[in-house]
Amino acid sequence: MGEVLARRMPTERVQVAIDEPFQHYQFAGRADVLAWDPGRRALLHVENRTRFPNVQEAMGSYNVKRRYLPGVLADRWGVRGGFRSVTHVLAGIWSAEVLHVARLRSATLRAVCPDGIDGFEAWWSGSPPGHGDPTSTFILLDPMAVGGGRRRPFVGLDEALDPSLPARYRGYADAAEALRRSGLA
């Protein structure tokens, strides 16, 4: 999923990092995908989830990154005054397994990811937000739909919670196999 997202960023003005380490005192971790637009002082942070074996642990890790990552990166990269726009995204693979957890733990996801998908859509379309309060968004991502066909590549939490929305894969293994067969992985 990180590779798919990294390919989507407009690299002529946006810098991308995958599996980027950070540390803030006792908190240390890695951000799955980062993109930043130095001209706009905009940051995109995406945490990819193929499964949620422990929802509480996943939310705790994501919350630590939301809290500390922008400041640590602004210091490291010399972004004077910090980022004007920060978009945090918890991206789940569009599978039955992730859909089940999202629907079962919808209150948790709404509390941690209360914002709509506008900020992520702006990054996706190549126009990162230039200012605004930090956002936190949940999306379902179908890495096979990224090529521009008729299938939507992602949906937000509200659509994910619609019981009529079907899964596109049973689980991560099915999605990985589809990517492998397509040559995208």
Protein backbone atom coordinates (compact mmCIF):
# COMPACT_ATOMS: atom_id res chain seq x y z
CA MET A 1 0.00 0.00 0.00
CA GLY A 2 2.89 2.34 0.72
CA GLU A 3 4.27 1.88 -2.77
CA VAL A 4 0.88 2.63 -4.30
CA LEU A 5 0.54 5.84 -2.29
CA ALA A 6 4.12 6.93 -2.98
CA ARG A 7 3.59 6.53 -6.73
CA ARG A 8 0.52 8.73 -6.54
CA MET A 9 2.33 11.78 -5.12
CA PRO A 10 3.37 14.59 -7.52
CA THR A 11 7.13 14.07 -7.14
CA GLU A 12 8.13 17.25 -8.99
CA ARG A 13 7.30 19.25 -5.84
CA VAL A 14 6.47 16.70 -3.16
CA GLN A 15 9.01 14.64 -1.27
CA VAL A 16 8.06 11.12 -0.15
CA ALA A 17 9.42 8.81 2.54
CA ILE A 18 8.37 5.27 3.37
CA ASP A 19 8.95 3.61 6.75
CA GLU A 20 10.45 6.81 8.15
CA PRO A 21 11.77 6.50 11.74
CA PHE A 22 11.07 9.10 14.42
CA GLN A 23 11.66 9.48 18.13
CA HIS A 24 10.23 11.85 20.69
CA TYR A 25 11.69 11.14 24.13
CA GLN A 26 10.40 7.66 25.04
CA PHE A 27 8.15 7.38 21.98
CA ALA A 28 9.78 5.87 18.93
CA GLY A 29 8.29 4.42 15.81
CA ARG A 30 8.07 4.56 12.05
CA ALA A 31 5.65 6.37 9.81
CA ASP A 32 4.48 4.12 6.98
CA VAL A 33 4.19 6.83 4.31
CA LEU A 34 5.04 10.51 4.49
CA ALA A 35 4.70 13.16 1.83
CA TRP A 36 5.53 16.80 2.28
CA ASP A 37 5.29 19.81 0.08
CA PRO A 38 8.03 22.22 1.19
CA GLY A 39 6.49 25.16 -0.68
CA ARG A 40 3.12 24.79 1.01
CA ARG A 41 4.60 23.50 4.28
CA ALA A 42 2.07 20.65 4.04
CA LEU A 43 2.51 17.17 5.52
CA LEU A 44 0.67 13.94 4.74
CA HIS A 45 1.12 11.04 7.16
CA VAL A 46 -0.44 7.70 6.24
CA GLU A 47 -0.50 4.63 8.46
CA ASN A 48 -1.36 1.51 6.49
CA ARG A 49 -3.32 -1.28 8.13
CA THR A 50 -3.82 -4.62 6.47
CA ARG A 51 -5.35 -6.03 9.65
CA PHE A 52 -6.36 -4.90 13.13
CA PRO A 53 -5.38 -7.77 15.42
CA ASN A 54 -5.40 -5.37 18.39
CA VAL A 55 -7.50 -2.23 17.82
CA GLN A 56 -6.42 -0.53 21.05
CA GLU A 57 -2.73 -0.99 20.23
CA ALA A 58 -3.23 0.25 16.65
CA MET A 59 -5.07 3.38 17.83
CA GLY A 60 -2.46 4.06 20.52
CA SER A 61 0.39 3.87 18.03
CA TYR A 62 -1.46 6.06 15.54
CA ASN A 63 -2.30 8.64 18.23
CA VAL A 64 1.35 8.91 19.30
CA LYS A 65 2.35 9.57 15.70
CA ARG A 66 -0.41 12.13 15.25
CA ARG A 67 0.75 13.96 18.35
CA TYR A 68 4.52 13.98 17.93
CA LEU A 69 5.44 13.21 14.32
CA PRO A 70 4.73 16.65 12.75
CA GLY A 71 6.90 18.51 15.27
CA VAL A 72 9.75 16.01 15.08
CA LEU A 73 9.74 16.11 11.28
CA ALA A 74 9.48 19.91 11.11
CA ASP A 75 12.57 20.13 13.34
CA ARG A 76 14.46 17.47 11.37
CA TRP A 77 13.66 18.96 7.97
CA GLY A 78 14.07 22.60 9.00
CA VAL A 79 10.45 23.61 8.40
CA ARG A 80 10.53 26.99 10.12
CA GLY A 81 7.32 27.65 12.00
CA GLY A 82 6.19 24.03 11.51
CA PHE A 83 3.72 22.70 8.99
CA ARG A 84 0.75 24.87 8.01
CA SER A 85 -1.24 21.80 7.01
CA VAL A 86 -1.09 18.28 8.46
CA THR A 87 -3.21 15.43 7.12
CA HIS A 88 -3.13 12.15 9.09
CA VAL A 89 -4.68 9.10 7.45
CA LEU A 90 -5.35 5.64 8.81
CA ALA A 91 -5.64 3.58 5.62
CA GLY A 92 -7.10 0.09 5.82
CA ILE A 93 -6.97 -2.36 2.95
CA TRP A 94 -10.46 -2.70 1.42
CA SER A 95 -11.01 -6.20 2.77
CA ALA A 96 -13.76 -8.07 4.55
CA GLU A 97 -11.44 -8.38 7.54
CA VAL A 98 -10.86 -4.60 7.86
CA LEU A 99 -14.50 -3.78 7.06
CA HIS A 100 -15.62 -6.10 9.84
CA VAL A 101 -13.38 -4.34 12.39
CA ALA A 102 -14.40 -0.88 11.13
CA ARG A 103 -18.07 -1.70 11.54
CA LEU A 104 -17.57 -3.42 14.88
CA ARG A 105 -15.39 -0.60 16.29
CA SER A 106 -17.01 2.35 14.52
CA ALA A 107 -17.16 4.51 17.68
CA THR A 108 -13.42 4.05 18.22
CA LEU A 109 -12.62 4.92 14.62
CA ARG A 110 -14.89 7.99 14.73
CA ALA A 111 -13.17 9.18 17.92
CA VAL A 112 -9.66 8.74 16.50
CA CYS A 113 -10.44 9.66 12.87
CA PRO A 114 -13.25 12.23 13.09
CA ASP A 115 -12.53 14.11 9.86
CA GLY A 116 -13.79 13.60 6.34
CA ILE A 117 -11.63 12.65 3.40
CA ASP A 118 -11.23 16.14 1.88
CA GLY A 119 -7.59 16.57 2.98
CA PHE A 120 -6.59 13.15 1.68
CA GLU A 121 -8.50 13.75 -1.57
CA ALA A 122 -6.54 16.99 -2.04
CA TRP A 123 -3.24 15.11 -1.71
CA TRP A 124 -4.54 12.35 -3.99
CA SER A 125 -5.45 14.87 -6.68
CA GLY A 126 -2.01 16.50 -6.47
CA SER A 127 -3.05 19.69 -4.64
CA PRO A 128 -2.06 19.34 -0.97
CA PRO A 129 -3.96 21.61 1.41
CA GLY A 130 -2.00 24.80 2.04
CA HIS A 131 -3.34 25.56 5.52
CA GLY A 132 -5.81 24.42 8.13
CA ASP A 133 -6.10 22.53 11.36
CA PRO A 134 -4.58 19.04 11.47
CA THR A 135 -6.98 16.35 10.29
CA SER A 136 -7.30 12.65 11.05
CA THR A 137 -9.12 10.47 8.55
CA PHE A 138 -9.92 6.78 8.07
CA ILE A 139 -10.06 5.39 4.54
CA LEU A 140 -10.43 2.03 2.89
CA LEU A 141 -7.92 1.73 0.05
CA ASP A 142 -8.03 -0.66 -2.88
CA PRO A 143 -4.50 -0.71 -4.31
CA MET A 144 -5.73 -2.46 -7.47
CA ALA A 145 -8.14 0.39 -8.28
CA VAL A 146 -5.45 3.06 -8.30
CA GLY A 147 -4.75 2.80 -12.04
CA GLY A 148 -7.71 4.98 -12.98
CA GLY A 149 -10.39 2.46 -13.93
CA ARG A 150 -14.03 2.77 -12.95
CA ARG A 151 -13.59 1.41 -9.45
CA ARG A 152 -13.08 4.01 -6.74
CA PRO A 153 -9.66 3.59 -5.15
CA PHE A 154 -10.75 4.70 -1.67
CA VAL A 155 -13.73 5.60 0.50
CA GLY A 156 -14.02 7.31 3.88
CA LEU A 157 -15.37 6.00 7.15
CA ASP A 158 -18.99 6.97 6.54
CA GLU A 159 -19.10 4.95 3.32
CA ALA A 160 -17.18 2.08 4.91
CA LEU A 161 -19.86 1.81 7.59
CA ASP A 162 -22.63 1.46 5.00
CA PRO A 163 -23.62 -2.24 5.25
CA SER A 164 -24.27 -2.35 1.50
CA LEU A 165 -20.61 -1.56 0.70
CA PRO A 166 -18.99 -4.84 -0.33
CA ALA A 167 -15.47 -5.92 0.48
CA ARG A 168 -13.09 -6.16 -2.45
CA TYR A 169 -10.83 -8.78 -0.87
CA ARG A 170 -11.29 -11.39 1.85
CA GLY A 171 -8.12 -10.33 3.60
CA TYR A 172 -4.61 -9.07 3.07
CA ALA A 173 -3.39 -12.30 1.46
CA ASP A 174 -5.99 -11.99 -1.32
CA ALA A 175 -5.07 -8.36 -1.99
CA ALA A 176 -1.35 -9.18 -1.99
CA GLU A 177 -1.94 -12.01 -4.45
CA ALA A 178 -3.98 -9.75 -6.74
CA LEU A 179 -1.18 -7.17 -6.68
CA ARG A 180 1.43 -9.83 -7.38
CA ARG A 181 -0.52 -11.17 -10.36
CA SER A 182 -1.00 -7.66 -11.74
CA GLY A 183 2.70 -6.84 -11.55
CA LEU A 184 2.05 -3.84 -9.28
CA ALA A 185 3.65 -5.47 -6.22
